[in-house]
Amino acid sequence: MNPEIRSGKPCVSGTRITVLDVLSYLAAGMSMEEIISDFRALDKEKIIATLSFTAYRDKITTIAFAS
């Protein structure tokens, strides 16, 4: 996250593609292959890392609110 890039939203490392962008594409039904085809800066590992980041961030948020 960098406040100078995409208003500080979490981005895939080395890109200006936000985590939310990737999640939105997946939620809309795009396959990993379609996303990679449209966004050459992404690969399968980066998409999986995006999902892992989201799961980790959700876990932290859940724990913080549960206390």
N, C-alpha and C. Protein backbone atom coordinates (compact mmCIF):
# COMPACT_ATOMS: atom_id res chain seq x y z
N MET A 1 0.84 -1.17 0.00
CA MET A 1 0.00 0.00 0.00
C MET A 1 0.89 1.24 0.00
N ASN A 2 0.56 2.14 -0.88
CA ASN A 2 1.32 3.38 -1.00
C ASN A 2 0.31 4.51 -1.21
N PRO A 3 0.30 5.52 -0.34
CA PRO A 3 -0.69 6.59 -0.47
C PRO A 3 -0.60 7.33 -1.81
N GLU A 4 0.51 7.20 -2.50
CA GLU A 4 0.71 7.88 -3.78
C GLU A 4 0.15 7.07 -4.96
N ILE A 5 -0.18 5.80 -4.72
CA ILE A 5 -0.66 4.93 -5.79
C ILE A 5 -2.07 4.47 -5.45
N ARG A 6 -3.01 4.76 -6.34
CA ARG A 6 -4.42 4.35 -6.20
C ARG A 6 -5.00 4.72 -4.83
N SER A 7 -4.65 5.91 -4.38
CA SER A 7 -5.16 6.45 -3.11
C SER A 7 -4.86 5.57 -1.91
N GLY A 8 -3.78 4.82 -1.96
CA GLY A 8 -3.35 4.00 -0.84
C GLY A 8 -4.05 2.65 -0.73
N LYS A 9 -4.88 2.31 -1.72
CA LYS A 9 -5.55 1.01 -1.70
C LYS A 9 -4.50 -0.08 -1.91
N PRO A 10 -4.70 -1.26 -1.31
CA PRO A 10 -3.74 -2.35 -1.51
C PRO A 10 -3.68 -2.76 -2.98
N CYS A 11 -2.47 -2.79 -3.52
CA CYS A 11 -2.25 -3.15 -4.92
C CYS A 11 -1.38 -4.41 -5.00
N VAL A 12 -1.52 -5.10 -6.11
CA VAL A 12 -0.65 -6.23 -6.40
C VAL A 12 0.76 -5.68 -6.57
N SER A 13 1.71 -6.31 -5.94
CA SER A 13 3.09 -5.84 -5.96
C SER A 13 3.59 -5.56 -7.38
N GLY A 14 4.17 -4.38 -7.55
CA GLY A 14 4.74 -4.00 -8.83
C GLY A 14 3.73 -3.54 -9.87
N THR A 15 2.47 -3.38 -9.46
CA THR A 15 1.43 -2.95 -10.40
C THR A 15 0.59 -1.83 -9.78
N ARG A 16 -0.32 -1.30 -10.58
CA ARG A 16 -1.31 -0.36 -10.08
C ARG A 16 -2.70 -1.04 -10.02
N ILE A 17 -2.70 -2.35 -10.08
CA ILE A 17 -3.93 -3.13 -10.03
C ILE A 17 -4.25 -3.40 -8.57
N THR A 18 -5.45 -2.96 -8.13
CA THR A 18 -5.79 -3.14 -6.72
C THR A 18 -6.29 -4.55 -6.44
N VAL A 19 -6.19 -4.91 -5.17
CA VAL A 19 -6.73 -6.19 -4.71
C VAL A 19 -8.23 -6.23 -5.03
N LEU A 20 -8.92 -5.13 -4.81
CA LEU A 20 -10.35 -5.08 -5.09
C LEU A 20 -10.63 -5.31 -6.57
N ASP A 21 -9.78 -4.77 -7.45
CA ASP A 21 -9.95 -5.01 -8.89
C ASP A 21 -9.94 -6.51 -9.17
N VAL A 22 -8.93 -7.20 -8.66
CA VAL A 22 -8.79 -8.64 -8.92
C VAL A 22 -9.99 -9.40 -8.35
N LEU A 23 -10.38 -9.07 -7.13
CA LEU A 23 -11.54 -9.74 -6.52
C LEU A 23 -12.81 -9.48 -7.32
N SER A 24 -12.96 -8.27 -7.82
CA SER A 24 -14.14 -7.93 -8.61
C SER A 24 -14.18 -8.72 -9.91
N TYR A 25 -13.03 -8.88 -10.55
CA TYR A 25 -12.98 -9.66 -11.80
C TYR A 25 -13.35 -11.11 -11.53
N LEU A 26 -12.82 -11.67 -10.44
CA LEU A 26 -13.15 -13.06 -10.10
C LEU A 26 -14.63 -13.19 -9.75
N ALA A 27 -15.16 -12.25 -9.00
CA ALA A 27 -16.57 -12.29 -8.61
C ALA A 27 -17.49 -12.15 -9.82
N ALA A 28 -17.01 -11.46 -10.84
CA ALA A 28 -17.81 -11.28 -12.06
C ALA A 28 -17.77 -12.53 -12.95
N GLY A 29 -16.96 -13.52 -12.54
CA GLY A 29 -16.92 -14.76 -13.29
C GLY A 29 -15.72 -14.94 -14.20
N MET A 30 -14.79 -13.98 -14.18
CA MET A 30 -13.59 -14.14 -15.00
C MET A 30 -12.72 -15.25 -14.41
N SER A 31 -12.13 -16.04 -15.27
CA SER A 31 -11.18 -17.06 -14.82
C SER A 31 -9.81 -16.41 -14.62
N MET A 32 -8.94 -17.11 -13.93
CA MET A 32 -7.58 -16.59 -13.75
C MET A 32 -6.92 -16.38 -15.11
N GLU A 33 -7.15 -17.31 -16.02
CA GLU A 33 -6.54 -17.20 -17.35
C GLU A 33 -7.03 -15.95 -18.08
N GLU A 34 -8.31 -15.63 -17.95
CA GLU A 34 -8.85 -14.42 -18.60
C GLU A 34 -8.26 -13.16 -17.99
N ILE A 35 -8.12 -13.15 -16.67
CA ILE A 35 -7.53 -11.98 -16.01
C ILE A 35 -6.08 -11.81 -16.45
N ILE A 36 -5.34 -12.90 -16.47
CA ILE A 36 -3.93 -12.84 -16.88
C ILE A 36 -3.82 -12.38 -18.33
N SER A 37 -4.73 -12.82 -19.17
CA SER A 37 -4.73 -12.40 -20.57
C SER A 37 -4.98 -10.90 -20.71
N ASP A 38 -5.88 -10.37 -19.88
CA ASP A 38 -6.20 -8.94 -19.93
C ASP A 38 -5.17 -8.07 -19.23
N PHE A 39 -4.51 -8.62 -18.23
CA PHE A 39 -3.55 -7.85 -17.42
C PHE A 39 -2.24 -8.60 -17.36
N ARG A 40 -1.37 -8.33 -18.29
CA ARG A 40 -0.10 -9.07 -18.44
C ARG A 40 0.81 -8.97 -17.22
N ALA A 41 0.59 -7.95 -16.36
CA ALA A 41 1.40 -7.80 -15.15
C ALA A 41 1.04 -8.84 -14.10
N LEU A 42 -0.09 -9.53 -14.30
CA LEU A 42 -0.53 -10.53 -13.33
C LEU A 42 -0.18 -11.93 -13.81
N ASP A 43 0.00 -12.82 -12.86
CA ASP A 43 0.16 -14.24 -13.15
C ASP A 43 -0.61 -15.00 -12.08
N LYS A 44 -0.66 -16.30 -12.20
CA LYS A 44 -1.44 -17.12 -11.28
C LYS A 44 -0.99 -16.91 -9.83
N GLU A 45 0.30 -16.83 -9.61
CA GLU A 45 0.83 -16.66 -8.26
C GLU A 45 0.39 -15.33 -7.65
N LYS A 46 0.35 -14.28 -8.45
CA LYS A 46 -0.08 -12.97 -7.93
C LYS A 46 -1.57 -12.96 -7.62
N ILE A 47 -2.35 -13.65 -8.41
CA ILE A 47 -3.79 -13.72 -8.13
C ILE A 47 -4.03 -14.52 -6.85
N ILE A 48 -3.32 -15.61 -6.69
CA ILE A 48 -3.44 -16.40 -5.46
C ILE A 48 -2.96 -15.59 -4.26
N ALA A 49 -1.89 -14.82 -4.42
CA ALA A 49 -1.41 -13.96 -3.34
C ALA A 49 -2.47 -12.92 -2.97
N THR A 50 -3.20 -12.42 -3.96
CA THR A 50 -4.27 -11.47 -3.70
C THR A 50 -5.35 -12.11 -2.84
N LEU A 51 -5.71 -13.34 -3.16
CA LEU A 51 -6.71 -14.05 -2.35
C LEU A 51 -6.19 -14.32 -0.94
N SER A 52 -4.94 -14.68 -0.83
CA SER A 52 -4.34 -14.92 0.49
C SER A 52 -4.31 -13.64 1.31
N PHE A 53 -3.94 -12.53 0.69
CA PHE A 53 -3.93 -11.23 1.37
C PHE A 53 -5.31 -10.90 1.90
N THR A 54 -6.33 -11.12 1.07
CA THR A 54 -7.70 -10.81 1.47
C THR A 54 -8.13 -11.68 2.65
N ALA A 55 -7.82 -12.96 2.59
CA ALA A 55 -8.18 -13.86 3.69
C ALA A 55 -7.47 -13.46 4.97
N TYR A 56 -6.20 -13.11 4.87
CA TYR A 56 -5.41 -12.70 6.03
C TYR A 56 -5.96 -11.40 6.60
N ARG A 57 -6.24 -10.45 5.74
CA ARG A 57 -6.75 -9.15 6.19
C ARG A 57 -8.11 -9.33 6.86
N ASP A 58 -8.96 -10.18 6.31
CA ASP A 58 -10.27 -10.44 6.90
C ASP A 58 -10.11 -11.07 8.28
N LYS A 59 -9.15 -11.97 8.42
CA LYS A 59 -8.91 -12.63 9.70
C LYS A 59 -8.49 -11.60 10.75
N ILE A 60 -7.61 -10.69 10.38
CA ILE A 60 -7.15 -9.66 11.32
C ILE A 60 -8.32 -8.76 11.71
N THR A 61 -9.12 -8.36 10.75
CA THR A 61 -10.27 -7.50 11.01
C THR A 61 -11.25 -8.21 11.94
N THR A 62 -11.49 -9.47 11.69
CA THR A 62 -12.42 -10.25 12.52
C THR A 62 -11.91 -10.34 13.95
N ILE A 63 -10.64 -10.60 14.10
CA ILE A 63 -10.07 -10.70 15.43
C ILE A 63 -10.14 -9.36 16.16
N ALA A 64 -9.83 -8.29 15.46
CA ALA A 64 -9.86 -6.97 16.07
C ALA A 64 -11.26 -6.61 16.57
N PHE A 65 -12.29 -6.96 15.82
CA PHE A 65 -13.64 -6.65 16.23
C PHE A 65 -14.16 -7.61 17.29
N ALA A 66 -13.60 -8.81 17.34
CA ALA A 66 -14.07 -9.80 18.30
C ALA A 66 -13.58 -9.50 19.71
N SER A 67 -12.52 -8.75 19.85
CA SER A 67 -11.95 -8.46 21.17
C SER A 67 -12.82 -7.54 21.99
